[in-house]
């Protein structure tokens, strides 16, 4: 987020960056109320929140550990579920109607 904030500073876009806020640290919590997240910041947040993952390694490891016949069978459903949760979260945060 700090790097995205620096990007907005470089673009000289004062709408997204509070000039009084310190970068890279929490600083004063009163400075955070005056800032608005940019589209790039919202996209980054959505990707983190929706748990975007390409290969669910932990689930495969657990299934293998407990003797599953096909531990990698969860890859396709996990990718589909992740895709839909990411799209829905992105549309919701960005205020778009994706139906």
Protein backbone atom coordinates (compact mmCIF):
# COMPACT_ATOMS: atom_id res chain seq x y z
CA UNK A 1 0.00 0.00 0.00
CA UNK A 2 2.90 2.33 0.72
CA UNK A 3 4.21 1.83 -2.80
CA UNK A 4 0.77 2.50 -4.27
CA UNK A 5 0.55 5.64 -2.16
CA UNK A 6 3.92 6.73 -3.51
CA UNK A 7 2.59 6.09 -7.02
CA UNK A 8 -0.32 8.45 -6.33
CA UNK A 9 2.11 11.02 -4.94
CA UNK A 10 4.19 10.72 -8.12
CA UNK A 11 1.04 11.24 -10.18
CA UNK A 12 0.40 14.34 -8.03
CA UNK A 13 -3.13 13.15 -7.38
CA UNK A 14 -4.03 14.91 -4.13
CA UNK A 15 -7.48 13.29 -3.97
CA UNK A 16 -5.98 9.95 -2.95
CA UNK A 17 -3.13 11.05 -0.71
CA UNK A 18 -3.24 13.14 2.45
CA UNK A 19 -0.16 15.32 2.38
CA UNK A 20 0.08 15.35 6.20
CA UNK A 21 0.18 11.57 6.53
CA UNK A 22 3.43 9.81 7.01
CA UNK A 23 4.37 7.08 4.56
CA UNK A 24 5.54 3.63 5.51
CA UNK A 25 4.32 3.72 9.11
CA UNK A 26 1.03 4.04 10.93
CA UNK A 27 1.83 7.49 12.25
CA UNK A 28 -1.18 9.33 13.60
CA UNK A 29 -4.52 7.62 13.14
CA UNK A 30 -6.16 11.00 12.61
CA UNK A 31 -4.38 11.32 9.26
CA UNK A 32 -5.99 8.18 7.90
CA UNK A 33 -9.52 9.58 7.88
CA UNK A 34 -8.69 12.16 5.21
CA UNK A 35 -7.37 9.78 2.55
CA UNK A 36 -9.22 7.92 -0.18
CA UNK A 37 -8.03 4.65 -1.67
CA UNK A 38 -7.25 4.66 -5.38
CA UNK A 39 -8.55 2.01 -7.77
CA UNK A 40 -5.18 0.26 -7.67
CA UNK A 41 -5.27 0.14 -3.87
CA UNK A 42 -8.80 -1.32 -3.91
CA UNK A 43 -7.77 -3.93 -6.48
CA UNK A 44 -4.76 -4.93 -4.36
CA UNK A 45 -6.97 -5.22 -1.28
CA UNK A 46 -9.57 -7.32 -3.11
CA UNK A 47 -6.94 -9.74 -4.37
CA UNK A 48 -5.62 -10.19 -0.82
CA UNK A 49 -9.03 -10.51 0.82
CA UNK A 50 -10.47 -12.99 -1.69
CA UNK A 51 -7.52 -15.35 -1.13
CA UNK A 52 -6.53 -15.51 -4.76
CA UNK A 53 -4.60 -18.75 -5.13
CA UNK A 54 -3.67 -20.73 -8.17
CA UNK A 55 -2.77 -24.03 -6.53
CA UNK A 56 -4.18 -24.84 -3.08
CA UNK A 57 -0.97 -26.39 -1.78
CA UNK A 58 -2.07 -26.69 1.86
CA UNK A 59 -5.27 -28.54 1.02
CA UNK A 60 -3.38 -30.93 -1.27
CA UNK A 61 -0.86 -31.57 1.52
CA UNK A 62 -3.60 -32.28 4.07
CA UNK A 63 -5.46 -34.60 1.70
CA UNK A 64 -2.22 -36.44 0.93
CA UNK A 65 -1.35 -36.72 4.61
CA UNK A 66 -4.72 -38.30 5.41
CA UNK A 67 -4.51 -40.84 2.59
CA UNK A 68 -6.71 -39.38 -0.12
CA UNK A 69 -6.77 -41.38 -3.36
CA UNK A 70 -6.46 -38.20 -5.44
CA UNK A 71 -5.21 -35.29 -3.32
CA UNK A 72 -4.99 -32.90 -6.28
CA UNK A 73 -8.70 -33.27 -7.12
CA UNK A 74 -9.38 -29.98 -5.34
CA UNK A 75 -7.40 -27.82 -7.77
CA UNK A 76 -10.18 -27.13 -10.30
CA UNK A 77 -12.94 -26.41 -7.75
CA UNK A 78 -10.59 -24.19 -5.75
CA UNK A 79 -9.65 -22.16 -8.81
CA UNK A 80 -13.30 -21.76 -9.83
CA UNK A 81 -14.36 -20.72 -6.32
CA UNK A 82 -11.44 -18.30 -6.03
CA UNK A 83 -12.24 -16.79 -9.43
CA UNK A 84 -15.87 -16.13 -8.54
CA UNK A 85 -15.10 -14.75 -5.09
CA UNK A 86 -12.51 -12.41 -6.59
CA UNK A 87 -14.88 -11.16 -9.30
CA UNK A 88 -17.72 -10.59 -6.84
CA UNK A 89 -15.46 -8.81 -4.33
CA UNK A 90 -13.94 -6.64 -7.06
CA UNK A 91 -17.35 -5.65 -8.42
CA UNK A 92 -18.68 -4.92 -4.95
CA UNK A 93 -15.76 -2.71 -3.93
CA UNK A 94 -15.54 -0.92 -7.24
CA UNK A 95 -19.29 -0.28 -7.23
CA UNK A 96 -19.97 -2.02 -10.52
CA UNK A 97 -22.93 -4.23 -11.37
CA UNK A 98 -21.39 -7.37 -12.85
CA UNK A 99 -24.57 -9.40 -13.16
